[in-house]
Every structure is written in C-alpha cells, then in structure tokens.
N, C-alpha and C. Protein backbone atom coordinates (compact mmCIF):
# COMPACT_ATOMS: atom_id res chain seq x y z
N MET A 1 -1.63 12.39 26.20
CA MET A 1 -1.23 13.09 27.41
C MET A 1 0.29 13.20 27.42
N ILE A 2 0.77 14.39 27.69
CA ILE A 2 2.20 14.60 27.78
C ILE A 2 2.59 14.45 29.24
N LYS A 3 3.40 13.45 29.53
CA LYS A 3 3.72 13.12 30.92
C LYS A 3 4.80 14.01 31.49
N GLY A 4 5.88 14.17 30.76
CA GLY A 4 6.96 14.96 31.32
C GLY A 4 7.66 15.77 30.25
N VAL A 5 8.08 16.95 30.62
CA VAL A 5 8.81 17.79 29.68
C VAL A 5 9.99 18.38 30.43
N ASN A 6 11.16 18.25 29.86
CA ASN A 6 12.29 19.04 30.32
C ASN A 6 12.90 19.65 29.07
N LYS A 7 13.97 20.34 29.19
CA LYS A 7 14.51 21.05 28.04
C LYS A 7 15.20 20.14 27.03
N ASN A 8 15.35 18.85 27.35
CA ASN A 8 16.02 17.94 26.43
C ASN A 8 15.13 16.79 25.94
N ILE A 9 14.18 16.36 26.76
CA ILE A 9 13.37 15.18 26.44
C ILE A 9 11.90 15.48 26.72
N ILE A 10 11.03 14.99 25.83
CA ILE A 10 9.58 15.05 26.06
C ILE A 10 9.09 13.61 26.04
N GLU A 11 8.40 13.19 27.10
CA GLU A 11 7.83 11.85 27.17
C GLU A 11 6.33 11.96 27.03
N VAL A 12 5.79 11.33 26.01
CA VAL A 12 4.34 11.30 25.79
C VAL A 12 3.85 9.97 26.31
N ALA A 13 3.05 10.00 27.38
CA ALA A 13 2.63 8.78 28.06
C ALA A 13 1.51 8.05 27.32
N ASN A 14 0.60 8.75 26.70
CA ASN A 14 -0.51 8.11 25.99
C ASN A 14 -0.47 8.58 24.54
N THR A 15 0.01 7.73 23.65
CA THR A 15 0.17 8.12 22.26
C THR A 15 -1.13 8.03 21.47
N GLY A 16 -2.12 7.29 21.99
CA GLY A 16 -3.35 7.09 21.25
C GLY A 16 -3.19 6.03 20.16
N ASN A 17 -2.09 5.32 20.17
CA ASN A 17 -1.81 4.28 19.19
C ASN A 17 -1.98 2.93 19.85
N ARG A 18 -2.58 1.98 19.15
CA ARG A 18 -2.83 0.68 19.78
C ARG A 18 -1.55 -0.15 19.94
N TYR A 19 -0.49 0.20 19.25
CA TYR A 19 0.76 -0.54 19.34
C TYR A 19 1.76 0.04 20.33
N PHE A 20 1.71 1.35 20.54
CA PHE A 20 2.73 2.00 21.35
C PHE A 20 2.11 2.71 22.55
N ASP A 21 2.65 2.43 23.74
CA ASP A 21 2.15 3.06 24.96
C ASP A 21 2.69 4.47 25.13
N LYS A 22 3.98 4.64 24.88
CA LYS A 22 4.56 5.95 25.07
C LYS A 22 5.61 6.25 24.01
N ALA A 23 5.88 7.53 23.86
CA ALA A 23 6.90 7.99 22.93
C ALA A 23 7.84 8.92 23.67
N ILE A 24 9.10 8.80 23.35
CA ILE A 24 10.10 9.69 23.95
C ILE A 24 10.75 10.47 22.81
N LEU A 25 10.63 11.78 22.88
CA LEU A 25 11.16 12.67 21.86
C LEU A 25 12.33 13.45 22.43
N PHE A 26 13.42 13.48 21.70
CA PHE A 26 14.60 14.22 22.12
C PHE A 26 14.62 15.56 21.40
N VAL A 27 14.66 16.63 22.18
CA VAL A 27 14.63 17.97 21.64
C VAL A 27 16.02 18.33 21.09
N LYS A 28 16.05 18.88 19.89
CA LYS A 28 17.32 19.32 19.31
C LYS A 28 17.87 20.46 20.17
N PRO A 29 19.18 20.46 20.37
CA PRO A 29 19.79 21.47 21.26
C PRO A 29 19.45 22.91 20.89
N ARG A 30 19.30 23.19 19.61
CA ARG A 30 19.02 24.59 19.22
C ARG A 30 17.62 25.04 19.64
N TYR A 31 16.74 24.08 20.02
CA TYR A 31 15.38 24.44 20.46
C TYR A 31 15.20 24.32 21.96
N ASN A 32 16.27 24.17 22.71
CA ASN A 32 16.18 24.06 24.16
C ASN A 32 15.60 25.30 24.82
N THR A 33 15.66 26.44 24.15
CA THR A 33 15.17 27.68 24.75
C THR A 33 13.67 27.89 24.53
N GLU A 34 13.04 27.00 23.77
CA GLU A 34 11.59 27.13 23.53
C GLU A 34 10.82 26.91 24.84
N THR A 35 9.61 27.44 24.90
CA THR A 35 8.79 27.27 26.09
C THR A 35 8.26 25.84 26.16
N THR A 36 7.91 25.43 27.36
CA THR A 36 7.35 24.10 27.57
C THR A 36 6.09 23.92 26.74
N HIS A 37 5.25 24.94 26.71
CA HIS A 37 4.01 24.89 25.96
C HIS A 37 4.28 24.65 24.47
N LYS A 38 5.24 25.37 23.93
CA LYS A 38 5.60 25.24 22.51
C LYS A 38 6.10 23.82 22.22
N LEU A 39 6.96 23.29 23.10
CA LEU A 39 7.48 21.94 22.91
C LEU A 39 6.37 20.89 22.99
N GLU A 40 5.42 21.09 23.91
CA GLU A 40 4.28 20.16 24.01
C GLU A 40 3.44 20.18 22.73
N ASP A 41 3.17 21.37 22.23
CA ASP A 41 2.39 21.50 20.99
C ASP A 41 3.10 20.82 19.82
N GLU A 42 4.39 21.05 19.70
CA GLU A 42 5.17 20.43 18.62
C GLU A 42 5.16 18.91 18.75
N ALA A 43 5.25 18.42 19.98
CA ALA A 43 5.23 16.97 20.21
C ALA A 43 3.90 16.38 19.76
N ARG A 44 2.80 17.03 20.13
CA ARG A 44 1.47 16.55 19.71
C ARG A 44 1.35 16.55 18.19
N GLN A 45 1.76 17.63 17.56
CA GLN A 45 1.67 17.73 16.09
C GLN A 45 2.52 16.66 15.43
N TYR A 46 3.71 16.44 15.95
CA TYR A 46 4.60 15.44 15.35
C TYR A 46 3.99 14.05 15.45
N LEU A 47 3.48 13.71 16.63
CA LEU A 47 2.91 12.37 16.81
C LEU A 47 1.67 12.17 15.95
N LYS A 48 0.89 13.23 15.73
CA LYS A 48 -0.26 13.12 14.82
C LYS A 48 0.22 12.88 13.39
N SER A 49 1.32 13.53 13.02
CA SER A 49 1.82 13.41 11.65
C SER A 49 2.43 12.04 11.37
N VAL A 50 2.84 11.32 12.42
CA VAL A 50 3.45 10.01 12.21
C VAL A 50 2.39 8.93 12.13
N GLY A 51 1.14 9.35 12.13
CA GLY A 51 0.05 8.38 12.09
C GLY A 51 0.06 7.52 10.85
N ILE A 52 -1.07 7.02 10.48
CA ILE A 52 -1.22 6.08 9.37
C ILE A 52 -1.23 6.83 8.05
N PRO A 53 -0.63 6.39 6.98
CA PRO A 53 0.23 5.22 6.94
C PRO A 53 1.65 5.57 7.31
N SER A 54 2.26 4.76 8.10
CA SER A 54 3.67 4.97 8.41
C SER A 54 4.49 4.46 7.25
N ASN A 55 5.77 4.84 7.20
CA ASN A 55 6.64 4.38 6.12
C ASN A 55 6.76 2.87 6.12
N ILE A 56 6.76 2.26 7.28
CA ILE A 56 6.86 0.80 7.35
C ILE A 56 5.63 0.17 6.72
N LYS A 57 4.46 0.67 7.09
CA LYS A 57 3.24 0.12 6.52
C LYS A 57 3.18 0.38 5.03
N LYS A 58 3.58 1.56 4.62
CA LYS A 58 3.55 1.90 3.20
C LYS A 58 4.48 0.99 2.42
N GLY A 59 5.68 0.75 2.95
CA GLY A 59 6.63 -0.14 2.29
C GLY A 59 6.09 -1.56 2.20
N ALA A 60 5.48 -2.03 3.28
CA ALA A 60 4.91 -3.38 3.28
C ALA A 60 3.76 -3.47 2.28
N ARG A 61 2.96 -2.41 2.20
CA ARG A 61 1.84 -2.40 1.26
C ARG A 61 2.34 -2.42 -0.18
N GLN A 62 3.42 -1.69 -0.47
CA GLN A 62 4.00 -1.68 -1.81
C GLN A 62 4.56 -3.04 -2.16
N LYS A 63 5.21 -3.71 -1.21
CA LYS A 63 5.74 -5.05 -1.47
C LYS A 63 4.60 -6.03 -1.74
N LEU A 64 3.52 -5.92 -0.96
CA LEU A 64 2.37 -6.79 -1.16
C LEU A 64 1.76 -6.56 -2.53
N TYR A 65 1.65 -5.29 -2.94
CA TYR A 65 1.11 -4.96 -4.25
C TYR A 65 1.96 -5.57 -5.35
N LYS A 66 3.29 -5.45 -5.23
CA LYS A 66 4.19 -6.02 -6.23
C LYS A 66 4.08 -7.54 -6.25
N THR A 67 3.93 -8.16 -5.08
CA THR A 67 3.77 -9.61 -5.00
C THR A 67 2.49 -10.05 -5.70
N LYS A 68 1.39 -9.35 -5.45
CA LYS A 68 0.11 -9.68 -6.09
C LYS A 68 0.20 -9.50 -7.60
N LYS A 69 0.87 -8.44 -8.01
CA LYS A 69 1.02 -8.17 -9.44
C LYS A 69 1.84 -9.27 -10.10
N LEU A 70 2.91 -9.70 -9.45
CA LEU A 70 3.75 -10.77 -9.97
C LEU A 70 2.96 -12.08 -10.04
N ARG A 71 2.18 -12.34 -9.00
CA ARG A 71 1.37 -13.55 -8.97
C ARG A 71 0.37 -13.57 -10.12
N LYS A 72 -0.25 -12.44 -10.40
CA LYS A 72 -1.20 -12.36 -11.52
C LYS A 72 -0.49 -12.60 -12.85
N LEU A 73 0.69 -12.02 -13.00
CA LEU A 73 1.46 -12.20 -14.23
C LEU A 73 1.84 -13.66 -14.42
N LEU A 74 2.33 -14.31 -13.38
CA LEU A 74 2.71 -15.72 -13.47
C LEU A 74 1.50 -16.61 -13.75
N THR A 75 0.36 -16.29 -13.16
CA THR A 75 -0.86 -17.05 -13.43
C THR A 75 -1.25 -16.90 -14.89
N PHE A 76 -1.18 -15.69 -15.41
CA PHE A 76 -1.51 -15.44 -16.81
C PHE A 76 -0.59 -16.23 -17.73
N ILE A 77 0.71 -16.24 -17.44
CA ILE A 77 1.68 -16.99 -18.24
C ILE A 77 1.39 -18.48 -18.16
N ALA A 78 1.11 -19.00 -16.98
CA ALA A 78 0.82 -20.43 -16.80
C ALA A 78 -0.42 -20.83 -17.59
N VAL A 79 -1.45 -20.02 -17.54
CA VAL A 79 -2.67 -20.32 -18.30
C VAL A 79 -2.35 -20.32 -19.80
N GLY A 80 -1.55 -19.39 -20.25
CA GLY A 80 -1.16 -19.34 -21.65
C GLY A 80 -0.38 -20.57 -22.08
N VAL A 81 0.56 -21.00 -21.24
CA VAL A 81 1.36 -22.19 -21.55
C VAL A 81 0.46 -23.43 -21.59
N VAL A 82 -0.44 -23.58 -20.65
CA VAL A 82 -1.37 -24.72 -20.65
C VAL A 82 -2.24 -24.68 -21.89
N ALA A 83 -2.75 -23.53 -22.27
CA ALA A 83 -3.59 -23.42 -23.47
C ALA A 83 -2.78 -23.79 -24.72
N LEU A 84 -1.53 -23.37 -24.77
CA LEU A 84 -0.66 -23.70 -25.90
C LEU A 84 -0.43 -25.21 -25.98
N ILE A 85 -0.15 -25.85 -24.86
CA ILE A 85 0.06 -27.30 -24.84
C ILE A 85 -1.20 -28.03 -25.27
N ILE A 86 -2.35 -27.62 -24.76
CA ILE A 86 -3.62 -28.25 -25.14
C ILE A 86 -3.84 -28.08 -26.64
N GLY A 87 -3.57 -26.89 -27.15
CA GLY A 87 -3.73 -26.66 -28.59
C GLY A 87 -2.81 -27.53 -29.42
N LEU A 88 -1.56 -27.69 -29.01
CA LEU A 88 -0.62 -28.53 -29.74
C LEU A 88 -1.03 -30.00 -29.69
N VAL A 89 -1.48 -30.46 -28.54
CA VAL A 89 -1.93 -31.85 -28.40
C VAL A 89 -3.16 -32.05 -29.28
N TYR A 90 -4.06 -31.12 -29.30
CA TYR A 90 -5.27 -31.23 -30.11
C TYR A 90 -4.91 -31.30 -31.59
N LEU A 91 -3.97 -30.46 -32.04
CA LEU A 91 -3.55 -30.48 -33.46
C LEU A 91 -2.87 -31.79 -33.81
N LYS A 92 -2.09 -32.34 -32.91
CA LYS A 92 -1.37 -33.59 -33.17
C LYS A 92 -2.32 -34.77 -33.33
N TYR A 93 -3.36 -34.81 -32.53
CA TYR A 93 -4.27 -35.97 -32.55
C TYR A 93 -5.55 -35.74 -33.35
N SER A 94 -5.66 -34.66 -34.07
CA SER A 94 -6.87 -34.46 -34.85
C SER A 94 -6.65 -34.71 -36.31
C-alpha cells in the first residue's frame, strides 16, 4: 500500500516484507513532473525488484560458501596428514 505521495518523497506503508514495515523513496528532481500514478507504479516495481536475494543476503551467502569450501579443504588436508603420520608410524614399527 502506498501511503503518501508528494513530488519529492513516496512513503510505502506496507512493503510486504517481514523485516521492514515501510519504505521511503526520494524522487530524483528531474522526475518531479511525473504523475502521481506513474510514481506509485515505479515505487511498486522498484520494491518488487529489491526482493530476494538482496545484495546483503547474496554477499553473506557467498561468504558462507567460501567458508564451507575452506572448511572442506582443511578437513581434507588434516585427514591426509593423519594418514601420512599413521603410515610413517606403521613403517617404523613393522
């Protein structure tokens, strides 16, 4: 629901997002002459486009992926080192 529109600011009262109650959009001065209807439509389209995944979520997901990948690599190296030590101990005492 678009709560208020003037030629400089559009306030969207119900964003449909579970985290954010409202959004305030500042209209660029060169678009001040647009109709209220046009500005409302653009506001709705913009808010839909900012949906999931947001850049913040995408960045966090990429960091998590890199962390998991690093963890797998370190686990693989640790298993290799343990296997090498076991093999050396076995050769020494056999």
